[in-house]
Amino acid sequence: MALLAMLFVAPASAGSPDGLLSPEKGVLCDRYMCASNKGVSPVQTGKHLGKKAEIKLFLTGAFDRTEFTFANGVFCDVKERLYREGRYFGNDGRQSGTISGKYTRILFPE
């Protein structure tokens, strides 16, 4: 459902080769949205990508902000407190993407 959110948010510059940046501690952004350790954040999106991006994110309506995929394919489930290189599931019904230590440490440093 987060992909739906990304479709309606105006692009902004991302600034890194993989399209993600961390403009402040505990925040990750792509060109469409920002997230914190609580999930997709309209407030952080507005702060780092602009008010227009915040409003467009809000206008996408209700969706689960705790599970989302950034534009580069990195998937996050804040309940699991992990970032994965993909949002795919294995035969056992569990997330199967390789854990991204880099992004997991940015939002969940413990």
Protein backbone atom coordinates (compact mmCIF):
# COMPACT_ATOMS: atom_id res chain seq x y z
CA MET A 1 0.00 0.00 0.00
CA ALA A 2 2.94 2.33 0.57
CA LEU A 3 3.68 2.08 -3.14
CA LEU A 4 0.30 3.68 -3.70
CA ALA A 5 1.42 6.52 -1.50
CA MET A 6 4.60 6.96 -3.52
CA LEU A 7 2.68 7.25 -6.78
CA PHE A 8 0.87 10.39 -5.67
CA VAL A 9 3.70 12.29 -4.00
CA ALA A 10 5.69 14.79 -6.01
CA PRO A 11 9.33 13.87 -6.56
CA ALA A 12 12.11 15.68 -4.76
CA SER A 13 15.85 15.16 -5.02
CA ALA A 14 17.16 12.19 -3.09
CA GLY A 15 20.89 12.86 -3.05
CA SER A 16 22.45 9.37 -2.85
CA PRO A 17 23.18 6.70 -5.46
CA ASP A 18 20.56 4.31 -4.05
CA GLY A 19 17.96 7.07 -3.76
CA LEU A 20 17.81 7.13 0.06
CA LEU A 21 19.18 9.74 2.39
CA SER A 22 19.18 10.31 6.10
CA PRO A 23 18.69 14.06 6.56
CA GLU A 24 18.76 13.71 10.35
CA LYS A 25 19.28 11.01 12.93
CA GLY A 26 16.53 8.40 12.83
CA VAL A 27 15.01 9.50 9.51
CA LEU A 28 15.26 7.99 6.02
CA CYS A 29 13.82 9.61 2.89
CA ASP A 30 13.51 8.76 -0.76
CA ARG A 31 12.25 11.24 -3.33
CA TYR A 32 8.61 10.67 -2.33
CA MET A 33 8.39 10.21 1.45
CA CYS A 34 10.28 10.09 4.73
CA ALA A 35 10.07 7.55 7.54
CA SER A 36 11.14 7.31 11.14
CA ASN A 37 11.28 4.32 13.50
CA LYS A 38 7.49 4.66 13.82
CA GLY A 39 6.85 4.36 10.07
CA VAL A 40 6.00 6.66 7.17
CA SER A 41 5.95 10.19 8.56
CA PRO A 42 4.00 13.00 6.91
CA VAL A 43 5.67 15.47 9.31
CA GLN A 44 9.21 14.35 8.36
CA THR A 45 8.16 14.24 4.71
CA GLY A 46 7.06 17.87 4.93
CA LYS A 47 10.18 18.90 6.80
CA HIS A 48 12.63 17.32 4.36
CA LEU A 49 10.76 17.12 1.04
CA GLY A 50 8.45 20.10 1.33
CA LYS A 51 4.90 20.94 2.29
CA LYS A 52 3.56 19.86 -1.10
CA ALA A 53 4.96 16.34 -0.64
CA GLU A 54 3.47 16.21 2.88
CA ILE A 55 0.03 17.21 1.62
CA LYS A 56 0.14 14.70 -1.24
CA LEU A 57 1.14 11.95 1.16
CA PHE A 58 -1.77 12.87 3.41
CA LEU A 59 -4.15 12.86 0.43
CA THR A 60 -3.34 9.23 -0.39
CA GLY A 61 -5.69 8.30 2.45
CA ALA A 62 -5.37 5.65 5.10
CA PHE A 63 -2.71 2.97 4.71
CA ASP A 64 -0.51 0.96 7.04
CA ARG A 65 2.38 3.36 7.69
CA THR A 66 4.34 0.67 9.55
CA GLU A 67 5.03 -1.45 6.44
CA PHE A 68 6.34 0.33 3.36
CA THR A 69 8.71 0.08 0.43
CA PHE A 70 10.94 2.94 -0.64
CA ALA A 71 11.28 3.75 -4.34
CA ASN A 72 14.56 1.78 -4.52
CA GLY A 73 12.85 -1.43 -3.34
CA VAL A 74 14.06 -1.41 0.27
CA PHE A 75 11.18 -2.70 2.43
CA CYS A 76 10.62 -1.81 6.08
CA ASP A 77 8.40 -3.32 8.71
CA VAL A 78 8.74 -1.18 11.83
CA LYS A 79 6.98 -3.82 13.95
CA GLU A 80 9.75 -6.24 12.97
CA ARG A 81 12.32 -3.40 13.28
CA LEU A 82 14.12 -4.47 10.09
CA TYR A 83 14.81 -3.18 6.62
CA ARG A 84 15.04 -5.72 3.83
CA GLU A 85 16.38 -5.54 0.29
CA GLY A 86 13.01 -6.73 -1.04
CA ARG A 87 9.40 -7.03 0.05
CA TYR A 88 8.91 -10.62 -1.01
CA PHE A 89 7.72 -13.57 1.03
CA GLY A 90 9.18 -17.08 1.22
CA ASN A 91 7.33 -20.39 1.12
CA ASP A 92 6.83 -20.14 4.88
CA GLY A 93 4.85 -16.89 4.49
CA ARG A 94 7.55 -14.78 6.16
CA GLN A 95 9.58 -11.93 4.70
CA SER A 96 12.45 -13.38 2.70
CA GLY A 97 14.41 -10.32 1.55
CA THR A 98 18.01 -9.99 2.70
CA ILE A 99 18.23 -7.81 5.81
CA SER A 100 19.80 -4.42 5.13
CA GLY A 101 22.02 -3.73 8.13
CA LYS A 102 22.81 -0.26 6.82
CA TYR A 103 19.22 1.02 6.85
CA THR A 104 18.18 -1.00 9.89
CA ARG A 105 20.96 0.72 11.91
CA ILE A 106 19.87 4.17 10.74
CA LEU A 107 16.33 3.86 12.11
CA PHE A 108 16.82 1.22 14.80
CA PRO A 109 20.29 1.89 16.26
CA GLU A 110 19.89 -0.23 19.43
